[in-house]
């Protein structure tokens, strides 16, 4: 018999996943994250160029409309760069210790952000969706 996740269960899964401090990083290599990605796959923006952001559990806004997957949205995050001369291709989120990549996203194709001057800024709005939920119709057994 196949395992079926409930609507309420999926929302609780999302809340558990985001219920701890996580760290948001930016990366500068032209890399497309995948299922096997690790911290070593990402060339992070230099520590002298920006400050990583901690994603706090109580800042997420959760939503679950009846026909959609559970979604969490974080308020806008602004990175102000302390140095320049690089391109940002995406972000990755790690555990607080920075050892495990929880998820990552490369910006859409052909969309990257060139940081030309000290003081340039990048604004992100993180949206986290638990996909894979499929509504199953109940069958009557006669």
C-alpha atoms as a PDB file:
ATOM      1  CA  UNK A   1       0.000   0.000   0.000  1.00  0.00           C
ATOM      2  CA  UNK A   2       1.289   3.472  -0.886  1.00  0.00           C
ATOM      3  CA  UNK A   3       1.978   6.072   1.768  1.00  0.00           C
ATOM      4  CA  UNK A   4      -0.419   9.018   1.553  1.00  0.00           C
ATOM      5  CA  UNK A   5       0.372  12.349   3.173  1.00  0.00           C
ATOM      6  CA  UNK A   6      -2.546  14.437   4.422  1.00  0.00           C
ATOM      7  CA  UNK A   7      -3.074  18.166   3.852  1.00  0.00           C
ATOM      8  CA  UNK A   8      -2.578  18.941   7.542  1.00  0.00           C
ATOM      9  CA  UNK A   9       0.419  16.633   7.685  1.00  0.00           C
ATOM     10  CA  UNK A  10       2.111  18.413   4.768  1.00  0.00           C
ATOM     11  CA  UNK A  11       1.683  21.791   6.467  1.00  0.00           C
ATOM     12  CA  UNK A  12       3.154  20.403   9.678  1.00  0.00           C
ATOM     13  CA  UNK A  13       6.077  18.961   7.674  1.00  0.00           C
ATOM     14  CA  UNK A  14       6.782  22.414   6.233  1.00  0.00           C
ATOM     15  CA  UNK A  15       6.583  24.053   9.669  1.00  0.00           C
ATOM     16  CA  UNK A  16       8.988  21.473  11.088  1.00  0.00           C
ATOM     17  CA  UNK A  17      11.388  21.977   8.186  1.00  0.00           C
ATOM     18  CA  UNK A  18      11.468  25.751   8.792  1.00  0.00           C
ATOM     19  CA  UNK A  19      11.200  25.589  12.589  1.00  0.00           C
ATOM     20  CA  UNK A  20      14.876  26.246  13.240  1.00  0.00           C
ATOM     21  CA  UNK A  21      17.407  28.939  12.431  1.00  0.00           C
ATOM     22  CA  UNK A  22      18.685  28.455   8.883  1.00  0.00           C
ATOM     23  CA  UNK A  23      21.387  30.409   7.050  1.00  0.00           C
ATOM     24  CA  UNK A  24      20.899  32.020   3.638  1.00  0.00           C
ATOM     25  CA  UNK A  25      24.006  32.221   1.433  1.00  0.00           C
ATOM     26  CA  UNK A  26      24.602  33.652  -2.050  1.00  0.00           C
ATOM     27  CA  UNK A  27      26.772  31.913  -4.634  1.00  0.00           C
ATOM     28  CA  UNK A  28      28.883  33.173  -7.532  1.00  0.00           C
ATOM     29  CA  UNK A  29      29.595  30.100  -9.653  1.00  0.00           C
ATOM     30  CA  UNK A  30      27.362  29.396 -12.658  1.00  0.00           C
ATOM     31  CA  UNK A  31      25.973  26.222 -11.063  1.00  0.00           C
ATOM     32  CA  UNK A  32      22.557  24.555 -11.324  1.00  0.00           C
ATOM     33  CA  UNK A  33      21.733  22.873  -7.991  1.00  0.00           C
ATOM     34  CA  UNK A  34      20.406  19.333  -8.010  1.00  0.00           C
ATOM     35  CA  UNK A  35      19.412  16.517  -5.667  1.00  0.00           C
ATOM     36  CA  UNK A  36      23.053  15.649  -4.909  1.00  0.00           C
ATOM     37  CA  UNK A  37      24.282  19.210  -4.244  1.00  0.00           C
ATOM     38  CA  UNK A  38      26.504  19.755  -1.206  1.00  0.00           C
ATOM     39  CA  UNK A  39      28.042  22.842   0.379  1.00  0.00           C
ATOM     40  CA  UNK A  40      31.221  22.191  -1.609  1.00  0.00           C
ATOM     41  CA  UNK A  41      29.340  22.677  -4.904  1.00  0.00           C
ATOM     42  CA  UNK A  42      28.653  26.352  -4.200  1.00  0.00           C
ATOM     43  CA  UNK A  43      31.242  29.126  -4.435  1.00  0.00           C
ATOM     44  CA  UNK A  44      29.883  31.513  -1.856  1.00  0.00           C
ATOM     45  CA  UNK A  45      30.236  35.272  -2.147  1.00  0.00           C
ATOM     46  CA  UNK A  46      33.369  36.189  -0.187  1.00  0.00           C
ATOM     47  CA  UNK A  47      32.927  36.818   3.536  1.00  0.00           C
ATOM     48  CA  UNK A  48      34.490  40.266   3.058  1.00  0.00           C
ATOM     49  CA  UNK A  49      31.858  41.114   0.419  1.00  0.00           C
ATOM     50  CA  UNK A  50      28.573  40.438   2.213  1.00  0.00           C
ATOM     51  CA  UNK A  51      26.921  39.199   5.392  1.00  0.00           C
ATOM     52  CA  UNK A  52      24.965  35.938   5.351  1.00  0.00           C
ATOM     53  CA  UNK A  53      21.387  36.153   6.633  1.00  0.00           C
ATOM     54  CA  UNK A  54      19.835  33.997   9.339  1.00  0.00           C
ATOM     55  CA  UNK A  55      16.282  32.881   8.533  1.00  0.00           C
ATOM     56  CA  UNK A  56      14.342  32.919  11.793  1.00  0.00           C
ATOM     57  CA  UNK A  57      11.497  30.390  12.274  1.00  0.00           C
ATOM     58  CA  UNK A  58       8.951  32.939  13.517  1.00  0.00           C
ATOM     59  CA  UNK A  59       9.328  35.149  10.413  1.00  0.00           C
ATOM     60  CA  UNK A  60       7.806  32.673   7.927  1.00  0.00           C
ATOM     61  CA  UNK A  61       4.240  33.250   6.718  1.00  0.00           C
ATOM     62  CA  UNK A  62       2.477  29.928   6.043  1.00  0.00           C
ATOM     63  CA  UNK A  63      -0.382  29.360   3.608  1.00  0.00           C
ATOM     64  CA  UNK A  64      -2.241  26.311   2.385  1.00  0.00           C
ATOM     65  CA  UNK A  65      -5.172  26.855   0.098  1.00  0.00           C
ATOM     66  CA  UNK A  66      -7.343  23.769  -0.417  1.00  0.00           C
ATOM     67  CA  UNK A  67      -6.061  22.972  -3.927  1.00  0.00           C
ATOM     68  CA  UNK A  68      -2.411  23.916  -3.518  1.00  0.00           C
ATOM     69  CA  UNK A  69       0.688  22.632  -1.769  1.00  0.00           C
ATOM     70  CA  UNK A  70       1.701  24.195   1.542  1.00  0.00           C
ATOM     71  CA  UNK A  71       3.748  27.361   1.049  1.00  0.00           C
ATOM     72  CA  UNK A  72       5.911  29.478   3.332  1.00  0.00           C
ATOM     73  CA  UNK A  73       7.090  32.969   2.385  1.00  0.00           C
ATOM     74  CA  UNK A  74       9.832  34.913   4.138  1.00  0.00           C
ATOM     75  CA  UNK A  75       9.788  38.731   4.290  1.00  0.00           C
ATOM     76  CA  UNK A  76      12.039  40.535   1.818  1.00  0.00           C
ATOM     77  CA  UNK A  77      15.732  40.143   2.546  1.00  0.00           C
ATOM     78  CA  UNK A  78      18.198  42.814   1.455  1.00  0.00           C
ATOM     79  CA  UNK A  79      21.862  42.073   0.927  1.00  0.00           C
ATOM     80  CA  UNK A  80      24.031  45.194   0.786  1.00  0.00           C
ATOM     81  CA  UNK A  81      27.450  44.392  -0.647  1.00  0.00           C
ATOM     82  CA  UNK A  82      30.650  45.525   1.041  1.00  0.00           C
ATOM     83  CA  UNK A  83      32.767  44.850  -2.065  1.00  0.00           C
ATOM     84  CA  UNK A  84      32.146  44.576  -5.823  1.00  0.00           C
ATOM     85  CA  UNK A  85      33.264  42.893  -9.014  1.00  0.00           C
ATOM     86  CA  UNK A  86      31.349  39.598  -9.028  1.00  0.00           C
ATOM     87  CA  UNK A  87      28.133  38.012 -10.288  1.00  0.00           C
ATOM     88  CA  UNK A  88      25.519  36.336  -8.070  1.00  0.00           C
ATOM     89  CA  UNK A  89      23.810  33.337  -9.698  1.00  0.00           C
ATOM     90  CA  UNK A  90      21.607  32.070  -6.873  1.00  0.00           C
ATOM     91  CA  UNK A  91      21.263  31.219  -3.220  1.00  0.00           C
ATOM     92  CA  UNK A  92      21.478  28.208  -0.971  1.00  0.00           C
ATOM     93  CA  UNK A  93      20.147  27.598   2.522  1.00  0.00           C
ATOM     94  CA  UNK A  94      22.036  25.578   5.091  1.00  0.00           C
ATOM     95  CA  UNK A  95      21.648  24.332   8.608  1.00  0.00           C
ATOM     96  CA  UNK A  96      22.860  26.797  11.229  1.00  0.00           C
ATOM     97  CA  UNK A  97      26.190  24.960  11.314  1.00  0.00           C
ATOM     98  CA  UNK A  98      26.556  25.466   7.553  1.00  0.00           C
ATOM     99  CA  UNK A  99      27.309  21.811   6.854  1.00  0.00           C
ATOM    100  CA  UNK A 100      24.104  20.619   5.135  1.00  0.00           C
ATOM    101  CA  UNK A 101      22.396  22.266   2.164  1.00  0.00           C
ATOM    102  CA  UNK A 102      18.673  22.260   2.939  1.00  0.00           C
ATOM    103  CA  UNK A 103      17.688  23.669  -0.461  1.00  0.00           C
ATOM    104  CA  UNK A 104      19.076  25.895  -3.192  1.00  0.00           C
ATOM    105  CA  UNK A 105      17.830  27.921  -6.104  1.00  0.00           C
ATOM    106  CA  UNK A 106      19.621  29.258  -9.140  1.00  0.00           C
ATOM    107  CA  UNK A 107      18.028  32.414 -10.432  1.00  0.00           C
ATOM    108  CA  UNK A 108      15.962  31.891 -13.610  1.00  0.00           C
ATOM    109  CA  UNK A 109      17.827  31.199 -16.846  1.00  0.00           C
ATOM    110  CA  UNK A 110      19.852  34.159 -18.052  1.00  0.00           C
ATOM    111  CA  UNK A 111      19.051  36.047 -14.851  1.00  0.00           C
ATOM    112  CA  UNK A 112      21.979  36.843 -12.625  1.00  0.00           C
ATOM    113  CA  UNK A 113      23.032  39.900 -10.689  1.00  0.00           C
ATOM    114  CA  UNK A 114      26.265  41.739 -11.408  1.00  0.00           C
ATOM    115  CA  UNK A 115      27.604  43.600  -8.398  1.00  0.00           C
ATOM    116  CA  UNK A 116      29.475  46.554  -9.853  1.00  0.00           C
ATOM    117  CA  UNK A 117      29.916  48.869  -6.871  1.00  0.00           C
ATOM    118  CA  UNK A 118      30.380  48.647  -3.144  1.00  0.00           C
ATOM    119  CA  UNK A 119      26.949  49.411  -1.670  1.00  0.00           C
ATOM    120  CA  UNK A 120      24.983  47.680  -4.443  1.00  0.00           C
ATOM    121  CA  UNK A 121      22.035  45.727  -3.073  1.00  0.00           C
ATOM    122  CA  UNK A 122      20.144  42.561  -3.916  1.00  0.00           C
ATOM    123  CA  UNK A 123      16.629  41.989  -2.585  1.00  0.00           C
ATOM    124  CA  UNK A 124      15.276  38.438  -2.281  1.00  0.00           C
ATOM    125  CA  UNK A 125      11.894  37.090  -1.330  1.00  0.00           C
ATOM    126  CA  UNK A 126      12.152  33.398  -0.483  1.00  0.00           C
ATOM    127  CA  UNK A 127       9.141  31.202  -1.190  1.00  0.00           C
ATOM    128  CA  UNK A 128       9.307  27.604  -0.002  1.00  0.00           C
ATOM    129  CA  UNK A 129       6.732  25.116  -1.302  1.00  0.00           C
ATOM    130  CA  UNK A 130       6.354  21.453  -0.396  1.00  0.00           C
ATOM    131  CA  UNK A 131       5.468  19.820  -3.663  1.00  0.00           C
ATOM    132  CA  UNK A 132       4.408  16.291  -4.313  1.00  0.00           C
ATOM    133  CA  UNK A 133       0.988  16.416  -2.686  1.00  0.00           C
ATOM    134  CA  UNK A 134      -1.676  14.959  -4.905  1.00  0.00           C
ATOM    135  CA  UNK A 135      -5.314  14.923  -4.002  1.00  0.00           C
ATOM    136  CA  UNK A 136      -6.643  11.403  -4.117  1.00  0.00           C
ATOM    137  CA  UNK A 137     -10.284  10.704  -4.675  1.00  0.00           C
ATOM    138  CA  UNK A 138     -11.902   8.301  -2.288  1.00  0.00           C
ATOM    139  CA  UNK A 139     -13.221   5.156  -3.865  1.00  0.00           C
ATOM    140  CA  UNK A 140     -16.257   3.337  -2.688  1.00  0.00           C
ATOM    141  CA  UNK A 141     -15.660  -0.371  -2.283  1.00  0.00           C
ATOM    142  CA  UNK A 142     -18.695  -2.520  -2.982  1.00  0.00           C
END
